[in-house]
Amino acid sequence: MNIPTLEDVQTAAARIAGVAVRTPLLRSDALDNMTGAKVWLKAECLQRTGSFKFRGAWNRLSALTPEQRREGVVAFSSGNHAQGVALAAKLLGIRATIVMPSDAPRIKVDATRGHGAEVVSYDRLRDPRDAIAAKIVSERGGVIVAPFNDPYVVAGQGTAGLEIAEEIGQPDIALVCCGGGGLASGIALALPESEIVVVEPEAYDDVMRSLASGVIEPVRDPGPTLCDALQTLVTSPLTFGILQARGAHGIAVSDADVKAAMAFAFRTLKLVVEPGGAAALAAALSGKLDLKGKTVAITLSGGNVDAETYRVCLGV
């Protein structure tokens, strides 16, 4: 597998131009005062399909050959990659089958089906989703579009970082929400001079531990978390290798941290951010990092959340 480069991210930016949204970088005096930093928020919750995932999905699918497009695509996802692939496939006239966990938020499942994709359900704690996808391909044909272990996907996600660099240069620190590491590794390529901090939920801190130990470590004991978008059991050699080469490190946040960040986004920023999409903001607000005097870019990576979950998180 080829390892993507900054040039690949730049190529992806040209490919997604006019299709993906160039999301805004937002400022907040309140956040600056709370952290002692100059903070910029990359609002990917305002991206098409409600998350950054559309970037990588479009970059991957638009690069398929005519023969591959005729075969269709198969993806596996907890929800946001599913929607990104489903919409990209719809726009390109490609058949899409998406393997999604049975406990995925209804809003994500419905949106995926709404874009015309077939949804196949599985038990995320019992069934290997990549094996299910491979079985579908063996029976029906198709091209697997992995959520993060794909150089085209990583390069596509990195375009969010490229947009940050084009607007504010290289920030001192980039705080990035992390499941499998596709967004984090892409941004690491786009921001070569920035300190990269990946942010995961406490129950799914495999990337943080892997970067600390120097070897890929799976999640030890999967537990409950509000961050459904970040429930990845193990990262990939591709994303881990990029992050390790860049000297990235990680931090884990609690559900309480995430709830506080979602409430801050709603009440102060006037944005709806899903739990996983608020993880990086949660790290900044938690006080676990010394950000004083730094220029900090934070990803708000998604905004797809069921109404009841959102109500509970806001405590209303």
C-alpha atoms as a PDB file:
ATOM      1  CA  MET A   1       0.000   0.000   0.000  1.00  0.00           C
ATOM      2  CA  ASN A   2       1.328   3.423  -0.952  1.00  0.00           C
ATOM      3  CA  ILE A   3       1.812   5.918   1.861  1.00  0.00           C
ATOM      4  CA  PRO A   4       0.164   9.231   0.971  1.00  0.00           C
ATOM      5  CA  THR A   5       2.159  12.455   0.972  1.00  0.00           C
ATOM      6  CA  LEU A   6       1.429  16.163   1.199  1.00  0.00           C
ATOM      7  CA  GLU A   7       1.315  16.189  -2.598  1.00  0.00           C
ATOM      8  CA  ASP A   8      -1.444  13.560  -2.483  1.00  0.00           C
ATOM      9  CA  VAL A   9      -3.419  15.783  -0.117  1.00  0.00           C
ATOM     10  CA  GLN A  10      -2.993  18.684  -2.541  1.00  0.00           C
ATOM     11  CA  THR A  11      -4.195  16.474  -5.412  1.00  0.00           C
ATOM     12  CA  ALA A  12      -7.191  15.459  -3.308  1.00  0.00           C
ATOM     13  CA  ALA A  13      -7.976  19.121  -2.648  1.00  0.00           C
ATOM     14  CA  ALA A  14      -8.201  19.757  -6.384  1.00  0.00           C
ATOM     15  CA  ARG A  15     -10.380  16.660  -6.811  1.00  0.00           C
ATOM     16  CA  ILE A  16     -12.918  17.631  -4.140  1.00  0.00           C
ATOM     17  CA  ALA A  17     -13.020  21.341  -5.049  1.00  0.00           C
ATOM     18  CA  GLY A  18     -16.542  22.410  -5.916  1.00  0.00           C
ATOM     19  CA  VAL A  19     -18.004  19.196  -4.491  1.00  0.00           C
ATOM     20  CA  ALA A  20     -17.067  19.190  -0.809  1.00  0.00           C
ATOM     21  CA  VAL A  21     -17.719  22.239   1.355  1.00  0.00           C
ATOM     22  CA  ARG A  22     -14.796  24.423   2.389  1.00  0.00           C
ATOM     23  CA  THR A  23     -15.907  24.568   6.009  1.00  0.00           C
ATOM     24  CA  PRO A  24     -15.283  27.670   8.115  1.00  0.00           C
ATOM     25  CA  LEU A  25     -12.586  28.205  10.719  1.00  0.00           C
ATOM     26  CA  LEU A  26     -14.371  29.718  13.682  1.00  0.00           C
ATOM     27  CA  ARG A  27     -13.086  31.808  16.576  1.00  0.00           C
ATOM     28  CA  SER A  28     -14.433  32.114  20.105  1.00  0.00           C
ATOM     29  CA  ASP A  29     -13.317  34.729  22.620  1.00  0.00           C
ATOM     30  CA  ALA A  30     -14.799  32.590  25.385  1.00  0.00           C
ATOM     31  CA  LEU A  31     -12.716  29.583  24.332  1.00  0.00           C
ATOM     32  CA  ASP A  32      -9.566  31.695  24.071  1.00  0.00           C
ATOM     33  CA  ASN A  33     -10.138  33.004  27.593  1.00  0.00           C
ATOM     34  CA  MET A  34     -10.787  29.528  28.998  1.00  0.00           C
ATOM     35  CA  THR A  35      -7.671  27.978  27.454  1.00  0.00           C
ATOM     36  CA  GLY A  36      -5.265  30.911  27.328  1.00  0.00           C
ATOM     37  CA  ALA A  37      -4.694  30.052  23.673  1.00  0.00           C
ATOM     38  CA  LYS A  38      -5.643  31.430  20.290  1.00  0.00           C
ATOM     39  CA  VAL A  39      -8.047  28.742  19.117  1.00  0.00           C
ATOM     40  CA  TRP A  40      -9.463  28.051  15.674  1.00  0.00           C
ATOM     41  CA  LEU A  41     -12.304  25.569  15.220  1.00  0.00           C
ATOM     42  CA  LYS A  42     -12.587  23.648  11.938  1.00  0.00           C
ATOM     43  CA  ALA A  43     -16.354  23.123  11.676  1.00  0.00           C
ATOM     44  CA  GLU A  44     -16.569  19.848   9.748  1.00  0.00           C
ATOM     45  CA  CYS A  45     -19.996  19.355  11.302  1.00  0.00           C
ATOM     46  CA  LEU A  46     -21.063  21.711   8.489  1.00  0.00           C
ATOM     47  CA  GLN A  47     -19.590  19.471   5.774  1.00  0.00           C
ATOM     48  CA  ARG A  48     -21.818  17.552   3.348  1.00  0.00           C
ATOM     49  CA  THR A  49     -23.379  14.567   5.166  1.00  0.00           C
ATOM     50  CA  GLY A  50     -22.520  16.285   8.457  1.00  0.00           C
ATOM     51  CA  SER A  51     -18.910  15.149   8.852  1.00  0.00           C
ATOM     52  CA  PHE A  52     -15.420  15.269   7.352  1.00  0.00           C
ATOM     53  CA  LYS A  53     -15.899  11.761   5.970  1.00  0.00           C
ATOM     54  CA  PHE A  54     -17.345  13.022   2.695  1.00  0.00           C
ATOM     55  CA  ARG A  55     -13.892  14.368   1.774  1.00  0.00           C
ATOM     56  CA  GLY A  56     -12.171  10.993   1.815  1.00  0.00           C
ATOM     57  CA  ALA A  57     -15.134   9.167   0.319  1.00  0.00           C
ATOM     58  CA  TRP A  58     -15.310  11.496  -2.680  1.00  0.00           C
ATOM     59  CA  ASN A  59     -11.548  11.381  -3.207  1.00  0.00           C
ATOM     60  CA  ARG A  60     -11.589   7.572  -3.193  1.00  0.00           C
ATOM     61  CA  LEU A  61     -14.667   7.009  -5.338  1.00  0.00           C
ATOM     62  CA  SER A  62     -13.891   9.676  -7.919  1.00  0.00           C
ATOM     63  CA  ALA A  63     -10.511   8.000  -8.499  1.00  0.00           C
ATOM     64  CA  LEU A  64     -12.080   4.614  -9.358  1.00  0.00           C
ATOM     65  CA  THR A  65     -11.713   3.314 -12.893  1.00  0.00           C
ATOM     66  CA  PRO A  66     -14.827   2.935 -15.082  1.00  0.00           C
ATOM     67  CA  GLU A  67     -14.687  -0.837 -14.551  1.00  0.00           C
ATOM     68  CA  GLN A  68     -14.466  -0.436 -10.769  1.00  0.00           C
ATOM     69  CA  ARG A  69     -17.412   1.957 -10.811  1.00  0.00           C
ATOM     70  CA  ARG A  70     -19.506  -0.629 -12.624  1.00  0.00           C
ATOM     71  CA  GLU A  71     -18.674  -3.197  -9.923  1.00  0.00           C
ATOM     72  CA  GLY A  72     -19.922  -0.934  -7.146  1.00  0.00           C
ATOM     73  CA  VAL A  73     -18.425  -0.249  -3.729  1.00  0.00           C
ATOM     74  CA  VAL A  74     -18.667  -1.879  -0.314  1.00  0.00           C
ATOM     75  CA  ALA A  75     -17.836   0.010   2.876  1.00  0.00           C
ATOM     76  CA  PHE A  76     -18.035  -0.598   6.621  1.00  0.00           C
ATOM     77  CA  SER A  77     -18.682   2.191   9.059  1.00  0.00           C
ATOM     78  CA  SER A  78     -20.246   3.227  12.341  1.00  0.00           C
ATOM     79  CA  GLY A  79     -22.140   5.884  10.429  1.00  0.00           C
ATOM     80  CA  ASN A  80     -20.278   8.909   9.131  1.00  0.00           C
ATOM     81  CA  HIS A  81     -18.082   7.117   6.582  1.00  0.00           C
ATOM     82  CA  ALA A  82     -21.246   5.258   5.588  1.00  0.00           C
ATOM     83  CA  GLN A  83     -23.014   8.499   4.741  1.00  0.00           C
ATOM     84  CA  GLY A  84     -19.988   9.926   2.964  1.00  0.00           C
ATOM     85  CA  VAL A  85     -19.603   6.860   0.754  1.00  0.00           C
ATOM     86  CA  ALA A  86     -23.353   6.631   0.137  1.00  0.00           C
ATOM     87  CA  LEU A  87     -23.619  10.235  -1.053  1.00  0.00           C
ATOM     88  CA  ALA A  88     -20.428  10.094  -3.123  1.00  0.00           C
ATOM     89  CA  ALA A  89     -21.674   6.887  -4.759  1.00  0.00           C
ATOM     90  CA  LYS A  90     -25.063   8.451  -5.476  1.00  0.00           C
ATOM     91  CA  LEU A  91     -23.491  11.513  -7.100  1.00  0.00           C
ATOM     92  CA  LEU A  92     -21.212   9.321  -9.223  1.00  0.00           C
ATOM     93  CA  GLY A  93     -23.880   6.758 -10.138  1.00  0.00           C
ATOM     94  CA  ILE A  94     -22.172   3.902  -8.287  1.00  0.00           C
ATOM     95  CA  ARG A  95     -23.960   1.095  -6.420  1.00  0.00           C
ATOM     96  CA  ALA A  96     -23.064   1.131  -2.695  1.00  0.00           C
ATOM     97  CA  THR A  97     -23.445  -1.486   0.036  1.00  0.00           C
ATOM     98  CA  ILE A  98     -22.605  -0.359   3.574  1.00  0.00           C
ATOM     99  CA  VAL A  99     -21.935  -2.637   6.567  1.00  0.00           C
ATOM    100  CA  MET A 100     -23.090  -0.803   9.717  1.00  0.00           C
ATOM    101  CA  PRO A 101     -23.300  -1.835  13.398  1.00  0.00           C
ATOM    102  CA  SER A 102     -26.763  -2.703  14.659  1.00  0.00           C
ATOM    103  CA  ASP A 103     -26.475  -0.025  17.364  1.00  0.00           C
ATOM    104  CA  ALA A 104     -25.523   2.790  14.977  1.00  0.00           C
ATOM    105  CA  PRO A 105     -27.548   5.971  15.572  1.00  0.00           C
ATOM    106  CA  ARG A 106     -30.798   5.855  13.632  1.00  0.00           C
ATOM    107  CA  ILE A 107     -30.099   9.253  12.095  1.00  0.00           C
ATOM    108  CA  LYS A 108     -26.944   7.845  10.469  1.00  0.00           C
ATOM    109  CA  VAL A 109     -28.592   4.649   9.230  1.00  0.00           C
ATOM    110  CA  ASP A 110     -31.563   6.524   7.791  1.00  0.00           C
ATOM    111  CA  ALA A 111     -29.334   9.065   6.054  1.00  0.00           C
ATOM    112  CA  THR A 112     -27.214   6.295   4.530  1.00  0.00           C
ATOM    113  CA  ARG A 113     -30.298   4.568   3.148  1.00  0.00           C
ATOM    114  CA  GLY A 114     -31.646   7.934   2.061  1.00  0.00           C
ATOM    115  CA  HIS A 115     -28.676   8.327  -0.265  1.00  0.00           C
ATOM    116  CA  GLY A 116     -29.618   5.052  -1.951  1.00  0.00           C
ATOM    117  CA  ALA A 117     -27.156   2.663  -0.305  1.00  0.00           C
ATOM    118  CA  GLU A 118     -28.015  -0.848   0.864  1.00  0.00           C
ATOM    119  CA  VAL A 119     -27.312  -1.252   4.599  1.00  0.00           C
ATOM    120  CA  VAL A 120     -26.170  -4.589   6.073  1.00  0.00           C
ATOM    121  CA  SER A 121     -26.250  -4.718   9.905  1.00  0.00           C
ATOM    122  CA  TYR A 122     -23.787  -6.493  12.213  1.00  0.00           C
ATOM    123  CA  ASP A 123     -22.893  -6.769  15.925  1.00  0.00           C
ATOM    124  CA  ARG A 124     -19.887  -4.491  16.449  1.00  0.00           C
ATOM    125  CA  LEU A 125     -18.592  -6.420  19.483  1.00  0.00           C
ATOM    126  CA  ARG A 126     -18.986  -9.889  17.976  1.00  0.00           C
ATOM    127  CA  ASP A 127     -18.729  -9.757  14.196  1.00  0.00           C
ATOM    128  CA  PRO A 128     -15.622  -8.628  12.245  1.00  0.00           C
ATOM    129  CA  ARG A 129     -16.935  -5.957   9.904  1.00  0.00           C
ATOM    130  CA  ASP A 130     -14.056  -6.208   7.448  1.00  0.00           C
ATOM    131  CA  ALA A 131     -14.720  -9.934   7.045  1.00  0.00           C
ATOM    132  CA  ILE A 132     -18.405  -9.250   6.372  1.00  0.00           C
ATOM    133  CA  ALA A 133     -17.474  -6.692   3.728  1.00  0.00           C
ATOM    134  CA  ALA A 134     -14.991  -9.111   2.152  1.00  0.00           C
ATOM    135  CA  LYS A 135     -17.680 -11.819   2.004  1.00  0.00           C
ATOM    136  CA  ILE A 136     -20.059  -9.440   0.225  1.00  0.00           C
ATOM    137  CA  VAL A 137     -17.361  -8.617  -2.329  1.00  0.00           C
ATOM    138  CA  SER A 138     -16.622 -12.312  -2.907  1.00  0.00           C
ATOM    139  CA  GLU A 139     -20.312 -13.004  -3.536  1.00  0.00           C
ATOM    140  CA  ARG A 140     -21.331  -9.899  -5.484  1.00  0.00           C
ATOM    141  CA  GLY A 141     -18.149  -8.164  -6.537  1.00  0.00           C
ATOM    142  CA  GLY A 142     -17.279  -4.582  -5.721  1.00  0.00           C
ATOM    143  CA  VAL A 143     -14.445  -2.437  -4.403  1.00  0.00           C
ATOM    144  CA  ILE A 144     -13.945  -2.092  -0.650  1.00  0.00           C
ATOM    145  CA  VAL A 145     -13.704   1.507   0.530  1.00  0.00           C
ATOM    146  CA  ALA A 146     -12.080   1.312   3.954  1.00  0.00           C
ATOM    147  CA  PRO A 147     -12.843   4.064   6.485  1.00  0.00           C
ATOM    148  CA  PHE A 148      -9.187   4.862   7.211  1.00  0.00           C
ATOM    149  CA  ASN A 149      -6.817   2.167   5.916  1.00  0.00           C
ATOM    150  CA  ASP A 150      -6.744   3.646   2.408  1.00  0.00           C
ATOM    151  CA  PRO A 151      -4.296   6.236   1.041  1.00  0.00           C
ATOM    152  CA  TYR A 152      -6.978   7.996  -1.010  1.00  0.00           C
ATOM    153  CA  VAL A 153      -9.235   8.286   2.026  1.00  0.00           C
ATOM    154  CA  VAL A 154      -6.412   9.600   4.221  1.00  0.00           C
ATOM    155  CA  ALA A 155      -5.405  12.154   1.584  1.00  0.00           C
ATOM    156  CA  GLY A 156      -9.011  13.256   1.238  1.00  0.00           C
ATOM    157  CA  GLN A 157      -9.408  13.758   4.978  1.00  0.00           C
ATOM    158  CA  GLY A 158      -6.164  15.705   5.003  1.00  0.00           C
ATOM    159  CA  THR A 159      -7.740  18.415   2.862  1.00  0.00           C
ATOM    160  CA  ALA A 160      -9.360  19.745   6.047  1.00  0.00           C
ATOM    161  CA  GLY A 161      -5.859  20.353   7.374  1.00  0.00           C
ATOM    162  CA  LEU A 162      -4.770  21.914   4.102  1.00  0.00           C
ATOM    163  CA  GLU A 163      -7.602  24.426   4.406  1.00  0.00           C
ATOM    164  CA  ILE A 164      -6.455  25.245   7.940  1.00  0.00           C
ATOM    165  CA  ALA A 165      -2.908  25.869   6.692  1.00  0.00           C
ATOM    166  CA  GLU A 166      -4.118  28.056   3.835  1.00  0.00           C
ATOM    167  CA  GLU A 167      -6.049  30.290   6.234  1.00  0.00           C
ATOM    168  CA  ILE A 168      -3.866  30.529   9.350  1.00  0.00           C
ATOM    169  CA  GLY A 169      -0.584  28.848   8.452  1.00  0.00           C
ATOM    170  CA  GLN A 170       0.768  26.013  10.591  1.00  0.00           C
ATOM    171  CA  PRO A 171      -0.782  26.145  14.086  1.00  0.00           C
ATOM    172  CA  ASP A 172       1.374  25.217  17.056  1.00  0.00           C
ATOM    173  CA  ILE A 173      -0.994  22.377  17.949  1.00  0.00           C
ATOM    174  CA  ALA A 174      -3.719  20.499  16.089  1.00  0.00           C
ATOM    175  CA  LEU A 175      -6.226  18.662  18.286  1.00  0.00           C
ATOM    176  CA  VAL A 176      -7.929  16.011  16.170  1.00  0.00           C
ATOM    177  CA  CYS A 177     -10.809  13.663  16.977  1.00  0.00           C
ATOM    178  CA  CYS A 178      -9.614  10.096  16.396  1.00  0.00           C
ATOM    179  CA  GLY A 179     -11.238   6.719  15.785  1.00  0.00           C
ATOM    180  CA  GLY A 180      -9.090   4.814  13.303  1.00  0.00           C
ATOM    181  CA  GLY A 181      -6.853   7.788  12.606  1.00  0.00           C
ATOM    182  CA  GLY A 182      -7.849   8.715   9.055  1.00  0.00           C
ATOM    183  CA  LEU A 183      -8.519  12.370   9.838  1.00  0.00           C
ATOM    184  CA  ALA A 184      -5.593  12.649  12.240  1.00  0.00           C
ATOM    185  CA  SER A 185      -3.073  11.127   9.822  1.00  0.00           C
ATOM    186  CA  GLY A 186      -4.389  13.210   6.929  1.00  0.00           C
ATOM    187  CA  ILE A 187      -4.078  16.395   8.960  1.00  0.00           C
ATOM    188  CA  ALA A 188      -0.603  15.303  10.068  1.00  0.00           C
ATOM    189  CA  LEU A 189       0.403  15.245   6.390  1.00  0.00           C
ATOM    190  CA  ALA A 190      -1.169  18.652   5.741  1.00  0.00           C
ATOM    191  CA  LEU A 191       0.334  20.318   8.832  1.00  0.00           C
ATOM    192  CA  PRO A 192       3.947  19.070   8.910  1.00  0.00           C
ATOM    193  CA  GLU A 193       5.102  21.773  11.329  1.00  0.00           C
ATOM    194  CA  SER A 194       2.304  21.366  13.878  1.00  0.00           C
ATOM    195  CA  GLU A 195       2.198  19.202  16.991  1.00  0.00           C
ATOM    196  CA  ILE A 196      -0.481  16.580  16.361  1.00  0.00           C
ATOM    197  CA  VAL A 197      -2.571  15.467  19.338  1.00  0.00           C
ATOM    198  CA  VAL A 198      -5.126  12.717  18.697  1.00  0.00           C
ATOM    199  CA  VAL A 199      -8.159  12.680  20.983  1.00  0.00           C
ATOM    200  CA  GLU A 200     -10.084   9.482  21.736  1.00  0.00           C
ATOM    201  CA  PRO A 201     -12.769   8.382  24.208  1.00  0.00           C
ATOM    202  CA  GLU A 202     -11.389   6.697  27.323  1.00  0.00           C
ATOM    203  CA  ALA A 203     -12.915   3.319  26.434  1.00  0.00           C
ATOM    204  CA  TYR A 204     -11.333   3.343  22.943  1.00  0.00           C
ATOM    205  CA  ASP A 205      -7.849   4.771  23.490  1.00  0.00           C
ATOM    206  CA  ASP A 206      -5.926   2.352  21.255  1.00  0.00           C
ATOM    207  CA  VAL A 207      -4.225   4.985  19.086  1.00  0.00           C
ATOM    208  CA  MET A 208      -3.019   6.922  22.128  1.00  0.00           C
ATOM    209  CA  ARG A 209      -1.568   3.774  23.684  1.00  0.00           C
ATOM    210  CA  SER A 210      -0.108   2.602  20.373  1.00  0.00           C
ATOM    211  CA  LEU A 211       1.727   5.881  19.860  1.00  0.00           C
ATOM    212  CA  ALA A 212       3.034   5.738  23.431  1.00  0.00           C
ATOM    213  CA  SER A 213       4.315   2.157  23.127  1.00  0.00           C
ATOM    214  CA  GLY A 214       5.521   2.325  19.532  1.00  0.00           C
ATOM    215  CA  VAL A 215       3.489  -0.695  18.401  1.00  0.00           C
ATOM    216  CA  ILE A 216      -0.144  -1.081  17.364  1.00  0.00           C
ATOM    217  CA  GLU A 217      -2.266  -2.051  20.364  1.00  0.00           C
ATOM    218  CA  PRO A 218      -5.965  -2.922  20.058  1.00  0.00           C
ATOM    219  CA  VAL A 219      -8.625  -1.770  22.484  1.00  0.00           C
ATOM    220  CA  ARG A 220      -8.224  -3.932  25.582  1.00  0.00           C
ATOM    221  CA  ASP A 221     -11.723  -3.979  26.997  1.00  0.00           C
ATOM    222  CA  PRO A 222     -14.340  -2.151  24.911  1.00  0.00           C
ATOM    223  CA  GLY A 223     -16.666  -0.240  27.176  1.00  0.00           C
ATOM    224  CA  PRO A 224     -19.589   2.116  26.785  1.00  0.00           C
ATOM    225  CA  THR A 225     -18.987   5.541  25.281  1.00  0.00           C
ATOM    226  CA  LEU A 226     -21.132   8.306  23.887  1.00  0.00           C
ATOM    227  CA  CYS A 227     -18.676   8.637  21.004  1.00  0.00           C
ATOM    228  CA  ASP A 228     -20.161   6.091  18.604  1.00  0.00           C
ATOM    229  CA  ALA A 229     -18.146   7.555  15.716  1.00  0.00           C
ATOM    230  CA  LEU A 230     -14.863   6.788  17.509  1.00  0.00           C
ATOM    231  CA  GLN A 231     -15.505   3.173  18.525  1.00  0.00           C
ATOM    232  CA  THR A 232     -12.653   1.669  16.529  1.00  0.00           C
ATOM    233  CA  LEU A 233     -11.105  -1.456  18.039  1.00  0.00           C
ATOM    234  CA  VAL A 234      -7.703  -1.098  16.370  1.00  0.00           C
ATOM    235  CA  THR A 235      -5.983   1.407  14.112  1.00  0.00           C
ATOM    236  CA  SER A 236      -4.294   0.497  10.827  1.00  0.00           C
ATOM    237  CA  PRO A 237      -0.607   0.218   9.894  1.00  0.00           C
ATOM    238  CA  LEU A 238      -1.125   3.049   7.395  1.00  0.00           C
ATOM    239  CA  THR A 239      -2.571   5.621   9.774  1.00  0.00           C
ATOM    240  CA  PHE A 240      -0.400   4.535  12.697  1.00  0.00           C
ATOM    241  CA  GLY A 241       2.744   4.768  10.569  1.00  0.00           C
ATOM    242  CA  ILE A 242       1.964   8.317   9.472  1.00  0.00           C
ATOM    243  CA  LEU A 243       1.149   9.471  12.996  1.00  0.00           C
ATOM    244  CA  GLN A 244       4.184   7.753  14.487  1.00  0.00           C
ATOM    245  CA  ALA A 245       6.498   9.282  11.885  1.00  0.00           C
ATOM    246  CA  ARG A 246       5.129  12.716  12.746  1.00  0.00           C
ATOM    247  CA  GLY A 247       5.698  12.239  16.476  1.00  0.00           C
ATOM    248  CA  ALA A 248       2.002  12.484  17.273  1.00  0.00           C
ATOM    249  CA  HIS A 249       0.716  11.679  20.740  1.00  0.00           C
ATOM    250  CA  GLY A 250      -2.711  11.227  22.254  1.00  0.00           C
ATOM    251  CA  ILE A 251      -5.105  12.058  25.048  1.00  0.00           C
ATOM    252  CA  ALA A 252      -8.323  10.373  26.160  1.00  0.00           C
ATOM    253  CA  VAL A 253     -11.486  12.158  27.265  1.00  0.00           C
ATOM    254  CA  SER A 254     -14.412  11.014  29.386  1.00  0.00           C
ATOM    255  CA  ASP A 255     -18.098  11.097  28.524  1.00  0.00           C
ATOM    256  CA  ALA A 256     -18.448  13.950  31.010  1.00  0.00           C
ATOM    257  CA  ASP A 257     -15.778  15.902  29.116  1.00  0.00           C
ATOM    258  CA  VAL A 258     -17.610  15.250  25.849  1.00  0.00           C
ATOM    259  CA  LYS A 259     -20.969  16.355  27.245  1.00  0.00           C
ATOM    260  CA  ALA A 260     -19.421  19.599  28.470  1.00  0.00           C
ATOM    261  CA  ALA A 261     -17.916  20.224  25.034  1.00  0.00           C
ATOM    262  CA  MET A 262     -21.215  19.549  23.260  1.00  0.00           C
ATOM    263  CA  ALA A 263     -22.979  21.957  25.598  1.00  0.00           C
ATOM    264  CA  PHE A 264     -20.301  24.605  24.993  1.00  0.00           C
ATOM    265  CA  ALA A 265     -20.639  24.172  21.235  1.00  0.00           C
ATOM    266  CA  PHE A 266     -24.420  24.537  21.452  1.00  0.00           C
ATOM    267  CA  ARG A 267     -24.627  27.428  23.886  1.00  0.00           C
ATOM    268  CA  THR A 268     -21.553  29.423  22.882  1.00  0.00           C
ATOM    269  CA  LEU A 269     -20.732  28.489  19.286  1.00  0.00           C
ATOM    270  CA  LYS A 270     -24.365  27.845  18.269  1.00  0.00           C
ATOM    271  CA  LEU A 271     -23.340  24.551  16.648  1.00  0.00           C
ATOM    272  CA  VAL A 272     -24.728  21.027  16.896  1.00  0.00           C
ATOM    273  CA  VAL A 273     -21.743  18.697  17.338  1.00  0.00           C
ATOM    274  CA  GLU A 274     -22.062  14.954  17.892  1.00  0.00           C
ATOM    275  CA  PRO A 275     -20.196  13.259  20.776  1.00  0.00           C
ATOM    276  CA  GLY A 276     -17.322  11.928  18.668  1.00  0.00           C
ATOM    277  CA  GLY A 277     -17.087  15.219  16.823  1.00  0.00           C
ATOM    278  CA  ALA A 278     -16.714  17.087  20.118  1.00  0.00           C
ATOM    279  CA  ALA A 279     -13.841  14.980  21.471  1.00  0.00           C
ATOM    280  CA  ALA A 280     -11.057  17.364  20.442  1.00  0.00           C
ATOM    281  CA  LEU A 281     -12.922  20.345  21.876  1.00  0.00           C
ATOM    282  CA  ALA A 282     -13.452  18.311  25.042  1.00  0.00           C
ATOM    283  CA  ALA A 283      -9.702  17.853  25.377  1.00  0.00           C
ATOM    284  CA  ALA A 284      -9.137  21.598  25.095  1.00  0.00           C
ATOM    285  CA  LEU A 285     -11.812  22.403  27.680  1.00  0.00           C
ATOM    286  CA  SER A 286     -10.809  19.644  30.108  1.00  0.00           C
ATOM    287  CA  GLY A 287      -7.656  21.358  31.325  1.00  0.00           C
ATOM    288  CA  LYS A 288      -5.628  18.209  30.638  1.00  0.00           C
ATOM    289  CA  LEU A 289      -3.445  20.051  28.120  1.00  0.00           C
ATOM    290  CA  ASP A 290      -1.350  23.187  28.580  1.00  0.00           C
ATOM    291  CA  LEU A 291      -2.369  25.340  25.637  1.00  0.00           C
ATOM    292  CA  LYS A 292      -1.422  28.728  27.068  1.00  0.00           C
ATOM    293  CA  GLY A 293       0.126  31.066  24.526  1.00  0.00           C
ATOM    294  CA  LYS A 294      -0.311  28.572  21.682  1.00  0.00           C
ATOM    295  CA  THR A 295      -2.117  28.780  18.378  1.00  0.00           C
ATOM    296  CA  VAL A 296      -4.440  25.769  18.339  1.00  0.00           C
ATOM    297  CA  ALA A 297      -6.590  24.227  15.597  1.00  0.00           C
ATOM    298  CA  ILE A 298      -9.419  21.967  16.770  1.00  0.00           C
ATOM    299  CA  THR A 299     -11.560  19.707  14.603  1.00  0.00           C
ATOM    300  CA  LEU A 300     -15.303  19.623  15.159  1.00  0.00           C
ATOM    301  CA  SER A 301     -15.442  16.501  13.051  1.00  0.00           C
ATOM    302  CA  GLY A 302     -19.157  15.717  12.882  1.00  0.00           C
ATOM    303  CA  GLY A 303     -22.674  16.760  13.805  1.00  0.00           C
ATOM    304  CA  ASN A 304     -24.791  13.645  13.263  1.00  0.00           C
ATOM    305  CA  VAL A 305     -26.545  12.916  16.540  1.00  0.00           C
ATOM    306  CA  ASP A 306     -29.988  11.554  17.406  1.00  0.00           C
ATOM    307  CA  ALA A 307     -32.285  14.066  19.097  1.00  0.00           C
ATOM    308  CA  GLU A 308     -32.669  12.011  22.283  1.00  0.00           C
ATOM    309  CA  THR A 309     -28.922  11.447  22.648  1.00  0.00           C
ATOM    310  CA  TYR A 310     -28.354  15.147  22.091  1.00  0.00           C
ATOM    311  CA  ARG A 311     -30.950  16.071  24.702  1.00  0.00           C
ATOM    312  CA  VAL A 312     -29.319  13.781  27.266  1.00  0.00           C
ATOM    313  CA  CYS A 313     -25.859  15.151  26.499  1.00  0.00           C
ATOM    314  CA  LEU A 314     -27.035  18.731  26.957  1.00  0.00           C
ATOM    315  CA  GLY A 315     -28.841  17.816  30.164  1.00  0.00           C
ATOM    316  CA  VAL A 316     -32.141  19.359  29.129  1.00  0.00           C
END
